[in-house]
Amino acid sequence: MSQLFPSSANAIARGTLTVAVILIAASGYLVYELGRSPYVTRAHEARQQPIQFSHQRHVAGNGLDCRYCHTSVEQSAVAGIPPTKTCMNCHGQILANSPYLEPVRSSYATDTSIQWVKVHDLPDFVYFDHSIHVKKGVGCTTCHGPVDQMPLMWSVKTLQMEWCLECHRSPEKYLRPREAVFRTDYTPPADQEALGRTLMAEYQVRRLTNCSSCHR
């Protein structure tokens, strides 16, 4: 009986299978990278707000401490969005008639909250407590980036689980003294890991990597 397939058929079949495996692997890798990309996570994307509030102006320019606006950050799971009254403490006199700040004055006069767009928005199944991170020596800029340089607010991290686990597995790389938690000009020392290990013992920081630490 004559041969049905030419001798090159085996080579073609092997080549086809090899290409198929490569394409499947490449597709999986591309999907994985896409999920971590700014296109999906929206990292480094400045968000448009009802009023284009500038952290750069208020923090670096005017020297406001984070806690002046985010009053609950040391006691609560949420840092808190300031009520319009906080804005009017200054803007009742400063730029009091500026058209740019009309939404602020209107909000205050009508007792209606400004609908700010949340930038650091974790999924509902993730539990994050600002107060415990502050108490353990995690600085604001560690997670939120150099807010004093942001004319508009954006996230500098992906907020994905792998990013959280980087710190939870090796907290000594990120901790700072509690008195420096709210400093935007803080620079980690050359011996950061040695300092971090000391602070871990002093602040009783544990390497929490169990699912239940964040998913409850």
Protein backbone atom coordinates (compact mmCIF):
# COMPACT_ATOMS: atom_id res chain seq x y z
CA MET A 1 0.00 0.00 0.00
CA SER A 2 1.36 3.42 -0.88
CA GLN A 3 2.06 5.90 1.90
CA LEU A 4 -0.92 8.24 2.48
CA PHE A 5 1.10 11.14 3.87
CA PRO A 6 4.43 12.46 2.71
CA SER A 7 7.43 12.07 5.00
CA SER A 8 7.30 15.79 5.75
CA ALA A 9 3.87 15.40 7.44
CA ASN A 10 5.44 14.48 10.78
CA ALA A 11 7.63 17.57 10.72
CA ILE A 12 4.62 19.74 9.80
CA ALA A 13 2.56 18.23 12.63
CA ARG A 14 5.34 18.80 15.16
CA GLY A 15 5.81 22.35 13.95
CA THR A 16 2.09 23.07 14.12
CA LEU A 17 1.86 21.73 17.68
CA THR A 18 4.91 23.75 18.72
CA VAL A 19 3.45 26.95 17.26
CA ALA A 20 0.09 26.23 18.93
CA VAL A 21 1.74 25.76 22.33
CA ILE A 22 3.73 28.97 21.88
CA LEU A 23 0.62 30.91 20.87
CA ILE A 24 -1.37 29.60 23.83
CA ALA A 25 1.46 30.44 26.24
CA ALA A 26 1.92 33.90 24.70
CA SER A 27 -1.83 34.57 24.89
CA GLY A 28 -1.88 33.58 28.56
CA TYR A 29 1.09 35.84 29.28
CA LEU A 30 -0.52 38.77 27.45
CA VAL A 31 -3.76 38.34 29.39
CA TYR A 32 -1.78 38.19 32.65
CA GLU A 33 0.18 41.34 31.82
CA LEU A 34 -2.94 43.14 30.63
CA GLY A 35 -4.57 42.52 34.00
CA ARG A 36 -1.62 44.19 35.73
CA SER A 37 -1.32 47.07 33.27
CA PRO A 38 -2.47 50.67 33.82
CA TYR A 39 -5.10 50.05 31.15
CA VAL A 40 -6.92 47.81 33.64
CA THR A 41 -5.71 49.11 37.02
CA ARG A 42 -5.85 52.79 35.96
CA ALA A 43 -2.60 53.42 37.85
CA HIS A 44 -1.03 56.82 37.04
CA GLU A 45 -4.29 58.03 35.53
CA ALA A 46 -5.35 61.40 36.91
CA ARG A 47 -9.06 61.37 37.75
CA GLN A 48 -11.38 64.18 36.85
CA GLN A 49 -13.22 65.48 39.89
CA PRO A 50 -16.19 67.82 40.38
CA ILE A 51 -13.59 70.32 41.58
CA GLN A 52 -9.99 69.81 40.51
CA PHE A 53 -8.54 69.79 44.00
CA SER A 54 -4.74 70.02 44.00
CA HIS A 55 -2.87 68.12 46.71
CA GLN A 56 0.28 69.75 45.38
CA ARG A 57 -1.06 73.21 46.19
CA HIS A 58 -2.54 72.34 49.57
CA VAL A 59 0.18 69.98 50.86
CA ALA A 60 3.40 71.28 49.32
CA GLY A 61 2.26 74.85 48.74
CA ASN A 62 0.25 75.52 51.91
CA GLY A 63 1.77 72.92 54.22
CA LEU A 64 -1.46 71.17 55.20
CA ASP A 65 -1.07 67.92 57.15
CA CYS A 66 -2.96 64.89 55.80
CA ARG A 67 -5.00 64.75 59.01
CA TYR A 68 -6.44 68.22 58.55
CA CYS A 69 -8.74 66.83 55.85
CA HIS A 70 -8.59 63.09 56.49
CA THR A 71 -9.54 63.39 60.12
CA SER A 72 -10.43 59.76 60.83
CA VAL A 73 -7.31 58.13 59.40
CA GLU A 74 -5.82 57.38 62.84
CA GLN A 75 -8.99 55.92 64.37
CA SER A 76 -10.99 54.41 61.54
CA ALA A 77 -10.75 51.92 58.70
CA VAL A 78 -11.44 54.77 56.29
CA ALA A 79 -9.38 57.94 56.02
CA GLY A 80 -12.53 59.99 55.43
CA ILE A 81 -13.47 62.61 52.86
CA PRO A 82 -13.60 66.08 54.43
CA PRO A 83 -17.00 67.78 54.69
CA THR A 84 -17.41 71.00 52.76
CA LYS A 85 -17.16 72.89 56.06
CA THR A 86 -13.48 71.94 56.16
CA CYS A 87 -12.95 73.59 52.79
CA MET A 88 -14.87 76.67 53.89
CA ASN A 89 -12.68 77.08 56.97
CA CYS A 90 -10.19 78.65 54.58
CA HIS A 91 -12.20 79.44 51.47
CA GLY A 92 -14.79 81.42 53.37
CA GLN A 93 -12.11 84.12 53.22
CA ILE A 94 -9.48 82.93 50.72
CA LEU A 95 -10.73 83.08 47.10
CA ALA A 96 -14.15 83.56 48.65
CA ASN A 97 -15.68 84.89 45.39
CA SER A 98 -13.77 82.75 42.91
CA PRO A 99 -16.06 81.26 40.21
CA TYR A 100 -13.81 78.18 40.33
CA LEU A 101 -14.99 77.47 43.88
CA GLU A 102 -18.69 78.05 43.27
CA PRO A 103 -19.43 74.29 43.65
CA VAL A 104 -17.87 74.44 47.12
CA ARG A 105 -19.97 77.41 48.17
CA SER A 106 -23.09 75.83 46.69
CA SER A 107 -22.41 72.56 48.53
CA TYR A 108 -21.98 74.42 51.80
CA ALA A 109 -25.09 76.58 51.32
CA THR A 110 -27.33 73.66 50.40
CA ASP A 111 -25.76 71.11 52.78
CA THR A 112 -25.23 68.78 49.82
CA SER A 113 -22.11 66.63 49.62
CA ILE A 114 -19.71 67.06 46.74
CA GLN A 115 -19.62 63.83 44.74
CA TRP A 116 -15.90 63.16 44.70
CA VAL A 117 -14.59 60.34 42.50
CA LYS A 118 -12.80 57.68 44.54
CA VAL A 119 -9.26 57.11 43.28
CA HIS A 120 -8.03 54.33 45.56
CA ASP A 121 -11.03 52.06 45.23
CA LEU A 122 -10.55 48.53 46.55
CA PRO A 123 -13.02 45.75 45.74
CA ASP A 124 -15.82 45.25 48.25
CA PHE A 125 -14.41 41.86 49.27
CA VAL A 126 -11.15 43.45 50.48
CA TYR A 127 -10.92 44.71 54.05
CA PHE A 128 -8.39 47.50 54.57
CA ASP A 129 -7.99 49.46 57.80
CA HIS A 130 -6.13 52.76 57.60
CA SER A 131 -5.77 53.10 61.36
CA ILE A 132 -3.88 49.85 61.91
CA HIS A 133 -1.45 50.62 59.09
CA VAL A 134 -0.78 54.07 60.54
CA LYS A 135 -0.18 52.58 64.00
CA LYS A 136 2.26 50.04 62.54
CA GLY A 137 4.38 52.70 60.85
CA VAL A 138 3.17 52.57 57.24
CA GLY A 139 3.51 56.03 55.74
CA CYS A 140 0.85 57.72 53.63
CA THR A 141 3.21 58.06 50.67
CA THR A 142 4.10 54.36 50.86
CA CYS A 143 0.69 53.56 49.40
CA HIS A 144 -0.52 56.85 47.95
CA GLY A 145 2.75 58.05 46.44
CA PRO A 146 4.08 61.63 46.45
CA VAL A 147 0.72 63.38 46.85
CA ASP A 148 2.53 66.65 47.45
CA GLN A 149 3.54 66.54 43.78
CA MET A 150 0.09 65.74 42.38
CA PRO A 151 -1.89 68.66 40.92
CA LEU A 152 -4.58 66.04 40.28
CA MET A 153 -4.89 62.80 42.21
CA TRP A 154 -3.90 59.44 40.76
CA SER A 155 -2.91 56.05 42.15
CA VAL A 156 0.75 55.13 41.81
CA LYS A 157 0.23 51.43 42.58
CA THR A 158 -1.93 48.75 40.99
CA LEU A 159 -3.84 48.07 44.25
CA GLN A 160 -3.75 44.41 43.29
CA MET A 161 -3.17 41.62 45.79
CA GLU A 162 0.43 41.00 44.72
CA TRP A 163 1.26 44.58 45.67
CA CYS A 164 -0.28 44.20 49.14
CA LEU A 165 1.58 40.93 49.66
CA GLU A 166 4.94 42.56 48.87
CA CYS A 167 4.58 44.54 52.09
CA HIS A 168 2.87 41.86 54.13
CA ARG A 169 5.66 39.41 53.36
CA SER A 170 8.51 41.87 53.98
CA PRO A 171 7.19 44.74 56.12
CA GLU A 172 10.73 45.68 57.22
CA LYS A 173 11.29 47.19 53.77
CA TYR A 174 8.50 49.72 54.18
CA LEU A 175 8.06 50.71 57.85
CA ARG A 176 9.02 54.11 59.19
CA PRO A 177 8.88 55.72 62.66
CA ARG A 178 5.33 56.69 63.64
CA GLU A 179 6.27 60.35 63.88
CA ALA A 180 7.17 60.25 60.17
CA VAL A 181 4.03 58.47 58.93
CA PHE A 182 2.40 61.67 57.66
CA ARG A 183 5.55 63.27 56.26
CA THR A 184 5.58 63.55 52.48
CA ASP A 185 9.30 64.41 52.44
CA TYR A 186 10.38 61.25 54.29
CA THR A 187 13.30 59.39 52.69
CA PRO A 188 14.06 55.82 53.81
CA PRO A 189 17.54 55.50 55.33
CA ALA A 190 20.30 53.41 53.79
CA ASP A 191 19.78 50.81 56.52
CA GLN A 192 16.02 50.65 55.96
CA GLU A 193 15.71 46.92 56.53
CA ALA A 194 17.61 47.09 59.81
CA LEU A 195 15.40 49.97 60.94
CA GLY A 196 12.35 48.05 59.72
CA ARG A 197 13.21 44.98 61.76
CA THR A 198 13.61 47.16 64.85
CA LEU A 199 10.23 48.80 64.22
CA MET A 200 8.61 45.42 63.59
CA ALA A 201 9.61 44.35 67.09
CA GLU A 202 8.68 47.69 68.67
CA TYR A 203 5.30 48.00 66.92
CA GLN A 204 4.56 44.25 67.09
CA VAL A 205 4.21 43.92 63.33
CA ARG A 206 3.51 40.43 62.01
CA ARG A 207 3.87 39.02 58.52
CA LEU A 208 0.17 38.55 57.83
CA THR A 209 -0.33 36.57 54.64
CA ASN A 210 -3.40 34.50 55.55
CA CYS A 211 -6.37 35.06 53.28
CA SER A 212 -8.54 36.04 56.28
CA SER A 213 -6.26 39.00 57.05
CA CYS A 214 -7.82 40.95 54.20
CA HIS A 215 -10.76 38.84 52.99
CA ARG A 216 -13.46 38.55 55.64
